[in-house]
Amino acid sequence: MASIARKNLLEDIPRFIVAQAGILFAVSLVTIQTGILNGFARSTTLLIDQSEADIWVASDEMVNFELTDPLLYGQMNQARTIKGVQQAEALILGSVRWRPQGGEMSPLMIVGFNPDGQLFNPGNVIEGNISDLKQPYAIMADQSRLGSMQAEGVGMTAIAGSLPAKLVAITKGTQSIVSSTLLFTSLENATSYITAGINAKVDCKVVGGGNLQCTKVIDKKDPNEQLEEVPPPKELEVADPIAYILVKAQPGEDLQALKQRIEEAIPGTSAYTTQELSEKTRYFWLARTNIGLVLGMGAIVGVIVGIVVVAQILYSSVSDHIKEFGTLKAMGASDKELYAVIIEQAIWMAVLGYIPGMLLCWGLSGWVASKGIIILITPWSALGVLGVTVIMCVGSGFFAIQKVTRIDPAIVFKA
């Protein structure tokens, strides 16, 4: 019976190619949609998952990683005194307007951290050094967003808010699909950018040693354009706002007990393990927005297209070979054996359509990764798509099986 299945499948090559193209499209659509969904969920928590912190301390009003009320810098020093805390570092989040020289303005998110710290990981630095972020108004950006920033590379200068910015390093693997472009810098620089406002005009030039020399217009209406030097970033004070306190627990410390002590010692805060904060952020984007629904609908459309194409091809194949099936039935073949021919034909179609479809998706995922878009295809998701493809094709085969069950063996003797 197996040879009959393969013969029926390959007898009409144009029809076979059309069928495989339909399955390839369905496999690709399902894989890409689920891959983008998984990649999207992962990208929203990249900065959380890559950190070395055991516990993240946030405002008790925190909704997701990017949407939270501020804490105070002084509370970080308070966290260091809590029993079980080995290390604590501050993290700052804020928005600025990016104004490249001769380019269009765009919104960016400032991420301030301690360049000498150990708990926050700003990705894989591929050019420059993190220590350079300690320079006044030095920044680092993800490779995938240099184009949108209109930045050619390390050394370019622009205006962030109303202050100068010089790109001193480039990182990789930090950018969320849904976030504004991230600018990494020191805590002092970040505080200056966020609190400086957007109204002043700044003129900058690079002088000896690669340093920035900037002046700021203090009265735009003055025809003489009164200028003053842009002041250096100031040291953080206890009342300055921060977004998170990253905590490293002492070895062997119970994290749940430490979380409770932190929340009791610092009122108005909630403490999360890295995994808990990651899950909370992913849940927000997948459950409280329509992104998961939209991507899921795309995958369903792919399955429906595959079912329609395969069902039509298999039904036509059975119709074209109706006398052959009638002959087999007249010779004593059981319905079960006839079903096996159609099901095996469906499985061959599933496998032969799945392999090129998956290879295409893997190639596509590698290409778009350089643009900051993650199509996450794991071994489990690939296996799941294979299962969906086989079920889709075998399920389509049942439409053809219904025709086989109604075959009258006497059809063989009809003219």
Protein backbone atom coordinates (compact mmCIF):
# COMPACT_ATOMS: atom_id res chain seq x y z
CA MET A 1 0.00 0.00 0.00
CA ALA A 2 2.93 2.32 0.70
CA SER A 3 4.05 2.22 -2.94
CA ILE A 4 0.53 3.19 -4.04
CA ALA A 5 0.64 6.23 -1.75
CA ARG A 6 3.94 7.43 -3.17
CA LYS A 7 2.81 6.70 -6.74
CA ASN A 8 -0.36 8.73 -6.28
CA LEU A 9 1.64 11.54 -4.72
CA LEU A 10 4.25 11.84 -7.48
CA GLU A 11 2.14 10.88 -10.47
CA ASP A 12 1.14 14.48 -11.19
CA ILE A 13 4.23 16.62 -10.48
CA PRO A 14 2.60 20.05 -11.09
CA ARG A 15 -0.21 19.18 -8.65
CA PHE A 16 2.36 17.89 -6.16
CA ILE A 17 4.36 21.14 -6.39
CA VAL A 18 1.22 23.21 -5.81
CA ALA A 19 0.35 21.11 -2.77
CA GLN A 20 3.84 21.41 -1.30
CA ALA A 21 3.83 25.17 -1.91
CA GLY A 22 0.60 25.46 0.06
CA ILE A 23 2.03 23.41 2.94
CA LEU A 24 5.30 25.37 2.83
CA PHE A 25 3.32 28.60 3.09
CA ALA A 26 1.30 27.25 6.02
CA VAL A 27 4.42 25.99 7.83
CA SER A 28 6.24 29.26 7.26
CA LEU A 29 3.30 31.37 8.43
CA VAL A 30 2.76 29.32 11.58
CA THR A 31 6.48 29.21 12.40
CA ILE A 32 7.08 32.90 11.77
CA GLN A 33 4.00 34.03 13.69
CA THR A 34 4.76 31.82 16.70
CA GLY A 35 8.46 32.69 16.42
CA ILE A 36 7.73 36.41 16.43
CA LEU A 37 5.36 35.91 19.37
CA ASN A 38 8.02 34.01 21.35
CA GLY A 39 10.72 36.43 20.26
CA PHE A 40 8.55 39.40 21.17
CA ALA A 41 7.90 37.98 24.65
CA ARG A 42 11.59 37.35 25.12
CA SER A 43 12.66 40.76 23.83
CA THR A 44 10.47 42.59 26.36
CA THR A 45 12.53 41.10 29.21
CA LEU A 46 16.05 41.06 27.75
CA LEU A 47 17.44 43.58 30.23
CA ILE A 48 15.83 41.71 33.12
CA ASP A 49 16.93 38.23 32.10
CA GLN A 50 20.52 39.29 31.35
CA SER A 51 21.05 40.93 34.74
CA GLU A 52 23.03 39.36 37.58
CA ALA A 53 20.56 40.58 40.21
CA ASP A 54 18.68 38.15 42.42
CA ILE A 55 15.96 40.65 43.38
CA TRP A 56 14.55 43.78 41.73
CA VAL A 57 13.05 46.38 44.08
CA ALA A 58 10.42 48.59 42.45
CA SER A 59 7.56 50.87 43.37
CA ASP A 60 4.46 49.00 44.53
CA GLU A 61 2.67 50.78 41.64
CA MET A 62 4.90 49.12 39.02
CA VAL A 63 2.94 47.74 36.03
CA ASN A 64 5.75 46.43 33.84
CA PHE A 65 9.47 47.00 33.43
CA GLU A 66 9.08 50.31 31.58
CA LEU A 67 6.03 51.60 33.46
CA THR A 68 6.78 52.26 37.11
CA ASP A 69 6.77 55.07 39.65
CA PRO A 70 10.17 56.32 40.84
CA LEU A 71 12.07 55.35 43.96
CA LEU A 72 14.70 57.53 45.63
CA TYR A 73 18.43 57.12 45.26
CA GLY A 74 18.75 57.19 49.05
CA GLN A 75 16.63 54.03 49.27
CA MET A 76 19.40 52.13 47.48
CA ASN A 77 21.76 52.94 50.37
CA GLN A 78 19.04 51.82 52.74
CA ALA A 79 18.73 48.50 50.89
CA ARG A 80 22.44 47.84 51.39
CA THR A 81 21.95 47.78 55.15
CA ILE A 82 19.25 45.08 55.10
CA LYS A 83 20.27 41.68 56.44
CA GLY A 84 20.97 39.23 53.61
CA VAL A 85 21.82 41.88 50.99
CA GLN A 86 25.33 41.51 49.60
CA GLN A 87 25.17 44.26 46.98
CA ALA A 88 22.67 46.86 45.73
CA GLU A 89 22.82 49.07 42.64
CA ALA A 90 20.50 51.68 41.14
CA LEU A 91 18.91 51.67 37.68
CA ILE A 92 17.35 54.73 36.06
CA LEU A 93 14.79 54.81 33.24
CA GLY A 94 13.54 57.93 31.47
CA SER A 95 12.56 59.41 28.11
CA VAL A 96 14.38 61.97 25.98
CA ARG A 97 14.11 63.39 22.49
CA TRP A 98 16.96 62.49 20.18
CA ARG A 99 18.05 65.16 17.72
CA PRO A 100 20.82 64.03 15.32
CA GLN A 101 22.70 66.69 13.41
CA GLY A 102 20.70 67.43 10.27
CA GLY A 103 18.22 64.63 11.02
CA GLU A 104 14.71 64.18 12.38
CA MET A 105 13.80 64.09 16.05
CA SER A 106 12.78 60.74 17.60
CA PRO A 107 11.87 59.49 21.11
CA LEU A 108 14.44 57.44 23.01
CA MET A 109 14.64 55.80 26.42
CA ILE A 110 17.59 56.52 28.70
CA VAL A 111 18.87 53.60 30.80
CA GLY A 112 21.24 54.77 33.52
CA PHE A 113 23.40 52.30 35.45
CA ASN A 114 26.72 52.11 37.24
CA PRO A 115 29.40 51.30 34.62
CA ASP A 116 31.56 49.90 37.45
CA GLY A 117 28.72 47.80 38.82
CA GLN A 118 28.19 44.06 38.47
CA LEU A 119 24.44 43.53 38.59
CA PHE A 120 23.18 45.21 35.40
CA ASN A 121 24.29 43.75 32.07
CA PRO A 122 23.82 46.06 29.04
CA GLY A 123 24.32 43.27 26.51
CA ASN A 124 27.34 42.23 24.49
CA VAL A 125 29.52 45.30 23.89
CA ILE A 126 30.94 44.90 20.37
CA GLU A 127 32.66 48.28 20.02
CA GLY A 128 34.05 50.68 22.61
CA ASN A 129 34.15 50.14 26.39
CA ILE A 130 31.52 50.38 29.10
CA SER A 131 33.96 52.37 31.26
CA ASP A 132 33.80 55.18 28.65
CA LEU A 133 30.21 55.83 29.75
CA LYS A 134 31.61 57.55 32.85
CA GLN A 135 32.64 60.45 30.61
CA PRO A 136 30.27 63.44 30.66
CA TYR A 137 27.35 62.92 28.27
CA ALA A 138 28.70 59.67 26.84
CA ILE A 139 26.16 57.11 25.62
CA MET A 140 25.94 53.58 24.23
CA ALA A 141 23.27 52.20 21.87
CA ASP A 142 22.25 48.84 20.42
CA GLN A 143 23.65 47.97 16.99
CA SER A 144 20.18 47.24 15.59
CA ARG A 145 18.99 50.85 16.19
CA LEU A 146 21.91 52.83 14.79
CA GLY A 147 20.01 53.33 11.53
CA SER A 148 16.94 54.81 13.23
CA MET A 149 19.23 57.07 15.27
CA GLN A 150 20.95 58.18 12.05
CA ALA A 151 24.23 57.25 13.71
CA GLU A 152 27.15 56.07 11.62
CA GLY A 153 29.09 54.63 14.55
CA VAL A 154 31.25 55.41 17.55
CA GLY A 155 32.22 59.07 17.74
CA MET A 156 29.01 60.62 16.37
CA THR A 157 27.44 63.46 18.34
CA ALA A 158 23.84 64.58 18.73
CA ILE A 159 21.49 66.29 21.15
CA ALA A 160 19.52 64.28 23.72
CA GLY A 161 16.83 66.46 25.27
CA SER A 162 18.72 69.73 25.66
CA LEU A 163 22.15 68.22 26.36
CA PRO A 164 24.93 66.90 24.16
CA ALA A 165 25.43 63.18 23.56
CA LYS A 166 28.43 61.36 22.19
CA LEU A 167 28.24 57.71 21.13
CA VAL A 168 31.25 55.97 22.71
CA ALA A 169 30.22 52.30 22.55
CA ILE A 170 27.88 49.92 20.72
CA THR A 171 26.17 46.92 22.26
CA LYS A 172 24.14 44.02 20.88
CA GLY A 173 21.17 41.94 22.05
CA THR A 174 19.40 44.47 24.30
CA GLN A 175 16.68 46.07 22.22
CA SER A 176 13.03 45.16 22.76
CA ILE A 177 10.76 45.13 19.72
CA VAL A 178 8.19 47.37 21.41
CA SER A 179 10.51 49.74 23.26
CA SER A 180 11.85 53.04 22.07
CA THR A 181 15.53 52.98 21.15
CA LEU A 182 17.57 52.46 24.32
CA LEU A 183 20.46 54.77 25.23
CA PHE A 184 22.75 53.39 27.94
CA THR A 185 24.78 55.76 30.08
CA SER A 186 25.97 56.38 33.63
CA LEU A 187 23.62 57.23 36.47
CA GLU A 188 24.88 60.81 36.55
CA ASN A 189 24.46 61.33 32.82
CA ALA A 190 20.99 59.75 32.85
CA THR A 191 19.79 62.03 35.66
CA SER A 192 21.08 65.08 33.80
CA TYR A 193 19.36 64.07 30.55
CA ILE A 194 16.01 63.36 32.19
CA THR A 195 15.90 66.54 34.31
CA ALA A 196 17.38 69.01 31.81
CA GLY A 197 14.22 69.65 29.78
CA ILE A 198 13.97 70.08 26.01
CA ASN A 199 13.82 73.82 25.40
CA ALA A 200 17.45 74.88 25.31
CA LYS A 201 19.54 74.95 22.17
CA VAL A 202 22.96 73.28 22.36
CA ASP A 203 25.89 73.67 19.98
CA CYS A 204 28.66 71.07 20.28
CA LYS A 205 31.94 70.24 18.61
CA VAL A 206 34.55 67.57 19.16
CA VAL A 207 37.88 68.95 20.37
CA GLY A 208 41.26 67.37 21.05
CA GLY A 209 41.19 63.93 22.62
CA GLY A 210 37.67 63.27 21.33
CA ASN A 211 36.04 65.37 24.06
CA LEU A 212 32.88 67.41 23.54
CA GLN A 213 32.90 71.19 23.87
CA CYS A 214 29.35 72.50 24.08
CA THR A 215 27.60 75.80 24.63
CA LYS A 216 23.93 76.39 25.41
CA VAL A 217 21.73 79.30 24.32
CA ILE A 218 20.07 80.69 27.43
CA ASP A 219 17.82 83.20 25.64
CA LYS A 220 16.59 82.20 22.19
CA LYS A 221 15.03 85.64 21.61
CA ASP A 222 18.27 87.48 22.17
CA PRO A 223 19.74 88.35 18.76
CA ASN A 224 23.22 88.27 20.29
CA GLU A 225 22.63 84.62 21.27
CA GLN A 226 24.00 84.70 24.81
CA LEU A 227 25.85 81.45 25.44
CA GLU A 228 27.07 79.55 28.46
CA GLU A 229 29.07 76.38 28.91
CA VAL A 230 27.02 73.23 29.43
CA PRO A 231 27.66 72.18 33.05
CA PRO A 232 29.03 68.67 33.74
CA PRO A 233 26.66 66.05 35.14
CA LYS A 234 26.21 66.30 38.91
CA GLU A 235 26.59 63.55 41.45
CA LEU A 236 23.35 61.87 42.51
CA GLU A 237 21.78 62.96 45.79
CA VAL A 238 19.55 60.94 48.12
CA ALA A 239 16.38 62.62 46.80
CA ASP A 240 17.12 61.99 43.11
CA PRO A 241 14.65 59.60 41.42
CA ILE A 242 15.62 56.12 40.23
CA ALA A 243 13.51 53.33 38.72
CA TYR A 244 14.83 50.15 40.35
CA ILE A 245 17.18 48.86 43.02
CA LEU A 246 19.01 45.73 41.88
CA VAL A 247 19.93 43.46 44.77
CA LYS A 248 22.44 40.62 44.99
CA ALA A 249 21.66 38.29 47.90
CA GLN A 250 24.28 36.77 50.11
CA PRO A 251 25.10 33.13 49.27
CA GLY A 252 22.51 30.70 50.59
CA GLU A 253 20.00 33.43 51.40
CA ASP A 254 16.29 32.60 51.08
CA LEU A 255 15.08 35.00 48.39
CA GLN A 256 11.44 34.98 49.47
CA ALA A 257 12.38 35.84 53.05
CA LEU A 258 14.76 38.55 51.80
CA LYS A 259 12.02 40.03 49.60
CA GLN A 260 9.76 40.32 52.64
CA ARG A 261 12.48 42.04 54.71
CA ILE A 262 13.13 44.52 51.89
CA GLU A 263 9.44 45.41 51.52
CA GLU A 264 9.15 45.90 55.30
CA ALA A 265 12.30 48.03 55.49
CA ILE A 266 11.47 50.23 52.46
CA PRO A 267 7.77 51.24 52.51
CA GLY A 268 5.96 51.69 49.21
CA THR A 269 8.05 49.09 47.39
CA SER A 270 7.56 45.61 45.99
CA ALA A 271 10.41 43.15 45.55
CA TYR A 272 10.54 40.61 42.75
CA THR A 273 12.96 37.87 41.86
CA THR A 274 14.39 38.22 38.36
CA GLN A 275 12.08 35.45 37.13
CA GLU A 276 9.00 37.03 38.75
CA LEU A 277 9.67 40.44 37.21
CA SER A 278 10.30 38.83 33.83
CA GLU A 279 7.02 36.90 34.00
CA LYS A 280 5.09 40.00 35.12
CA THR A 281 6.42 42.02 32.20
CA ARG A 282 5.75 39.27 29.64
CA TYR A 283 2.23 38.79 31.00
CA PHE A 284 1.50 42.48 30.56
CA TRP A 285 2.51 42.53 26.89
CA LEU A 286 0.90 39.21 25.99
CA ALA A 287 -2.29 39.32 28.06
CA ARG A 288 -3.07 43.02 28.45
CA THR A 289 -2.36 44.03 24.85
CA ASN A 290 -3.68 42.61 21.56
CA ILE A 291 -0.25 41.66 20.24
CA GLY A 292 -0.57 38.01 21.24
CA LEU A 293 -4.05 37.83 19.70
CA VAL A 294 -2.89 39.35 16.39
CA LEU A 295 0.09 37.00 16.04
CA GLY A 296 -2.03 34.01 17.09
CA MET A 297 -4.61 34.83 14.42
CA GLY A 298 -1.83 34.86 11.80
CA ALA A 299 -0.83 31.33 12.83
CA ILE A 300 -4.46 30.16 12.64
CA VAL A 301 -4.79 31.61 9.13
CA GLY A 302 -1.70 29.61 8.10
CA VAL A 303 -3.23 26.37 9.39
CA ILE A 304 -6.54 27.06 7.62
CA VAL A 305 -4.75 27.75 4.31
CA GLY A 306 -2.79 24.51 4.66
CA ILE A 307 -5.91 22.48 5.43
CA VAL A 308 -7.77 23.87 2.42
CA VAL A 309 -4.89 23.24 0.01
CA VAL A 310 -4.09 19.73 1.25
CA ALA A 311 -7.75 18.70 1.45
CA GLN A 312 -8.34 19.82 -2.11
CA ILE A 313 -5.25 18.01 -3.44
CA LEU A 314 -6.01 14.75 -1.61
CA TYR A 315 -9.68 14.81 -2.59
CA SER A 316 -8.75 15.38 -6.23
CA SER A 317 -6.19 12.57 -6.04
CA VAL A 318 -8.79 10.13 -4.72
CA SER A 319 -11.29 11.23 -7.38
CA ASP A 320 -8.72 10.68 -10.14
CA HIS A 321 -7.91 7.18 -8.83
CA ILE A 322 -11.43 6.16 -7.87
CA LYS A 323 -11.33 3.07 -10.11
CA GLU A 324 -8.02 1.95 -8.62
CA PHE A 325 -9.47 2.19 -5.12
CA GLY A 326 -12.57 0.34 -6.37
CA THR A 327 -10.32 -2.42 -7.78
CA LEU A 328 -8.54 -2.79 -4.44
CA LYS A 329 -11.89 -3.01 -2.69
CA ALA A 330 -13.14 -5.61 -5.17
CA MET A 331 -9.98 -7.63 -4.50
CA GLY A 332 -10.80 -7.72 -0.81
CA ALA A 333 -8.87 -4.72 0.54
CA SER A 334 -10.42 -3.45 3.76
CA ASP A 335 -11.41 0.13 4.38
CA LYS A 336 -8.60 0.31 6.93
CA GLU A 337 -6.02 -0.51 4.25
CA LEU A 338 -7.46 2.11 1.90
CA TYR A 339 -7.38 4.67 4.68
CA ALA A 340 -3.70 3.84 5.25
CA VAL A 341 -2.89 4.81 1.64
CA ILE A 342 -4.49 8.25 2.03
CA ILE A 343 -3.04 8.89 5.49
CA GLU A 344 0.46 7.92 4.39
CA GLN A 345 0.10 10.18 1.38
CA ALA A 346 -0.89 13.00 3.75
CA ILE A 347 2.10 12.33 6.03
CA TRP A 348 4.50 12.40 3.07
CA MET A 349 3.02 15.74 2.04
CA ALA A 350 3.43 17.06 5.60
CA VAL A 351 7.09 16.06 5.90
CA LEU A 352 8.07 17.19 2.40
CA GLY A 353 6.39 20.56 2.94
CA TYR A 354 7.71 20.99 6.50
CA ILE A 355 11.43 20.61 5.76
CA PRO A 356 11.84 23.45 3.21
CA GLY A 357 9.40 25.63 5.16
CA MET A 358 11.42 25.30 8.37
CA LEU A 359 14.72 25.89 6.55
CA LEU A 360 13.24 29.05 5.05
CA CYS A 361 12.16 30.28 8.49
CA TRP A 362 15.57 29.62 10.04
CA GLY A 363 17.23 31.60 7.28
CA LEU A 364 14.75 34.44 7.70
CA SER A 365 15.24 34.53 11.48
CA GLY A 366 18.99 34.94 11.04
CA TRP A 367 18.52 37.77 8.56
CA VAL A 368 16.07 39.82 10.63
CA ALA A 369 18.09 39.32 13.85
CA SER A 370 20.54 41.94 12.62
CA LYS A 371 17.63 44.41 12.51
CA GLY A 372 16.66 43.81 16.13
CA ILE A 373 13.67 41.56 15.35
CA ILE A 374 13.71 38.21 17.12
CA ILE A 375 12.01 35.23 15.46
CA LEU A 376 12.61 32.69 18.21
CA ILE A 377 12.55 29.11 16.86
CA THR A 378 13.39 26.63 19.60
CA PRO A 379 13.66 22.84 19.18
CA TRP A 380 10.36 22.50 21.01
CA SER A 381 8.57 25.06 18.87
CA ALA A 382 9.95 23.43 15.69
CA LEU A 383 8.72 20.05 16.91
CA GLY A 384 5.35 21.60 17.73
CA VAL A 385 5.02 23.04 14.21
CA LEU A 386 5.84 19.59 12.80
CA GLY A 387 3.07 18.10 14.88
CA VAL A 388 0.63 20.79 13.73
CA THR A 389 1.64 20.17 10.10
CA VAL A 390 1.10 16.40 10.35
CA ILE A 391 -2.25 16.86 12.09
CA MET A 392 -3.24 19.45 9.50
CA CYS A 393 -2.44 17.12 6.58
CA VAL A 394 -3.87 13.97 8.14
CA GLY A 395 -6.99 15.88 9.16
CA SER A 396 -7.34 17.09 5.58
CA GLY A 397 -7.08 13.48 4.44
CA PHE A 398 -10.34 12.62 6.19
CA PHE A 399 -12.24 14.57 3.56
CA ALA A 400 -10.80 12.20 0.97
CA ILE A 401 -11.45 9.18 3.20
CA GLN A 402 -15.16 9.99 3.20
CA LYS A 403 -15.17 9.51 -0.57
CA VAL A 404 -13.33 6.17 -0.30
CA THR A 405 -15.84 4.78 2.19
CA ARG A 406 -18.63 5.29 -0.36
CA ILE A 407 -16.85 3.48 -3.22
CA ASP A 408 -18.92 0.72 -4.83
CA PRO A 409 -16.57 -2.10 -6.03
CA ALA A 410 -18.89 -2.55 -9.07
CA ILE A 411 -17.51 0.72 -10.41
CA VAL A 412 -14.61 -1.33 -11.77
CA PHE A 413 -16.90 -3.10 -14.26
CA LYS A 414 -18.66 0.03 -15.48
CA ALA A 415 -17.65 1.49 -18.82
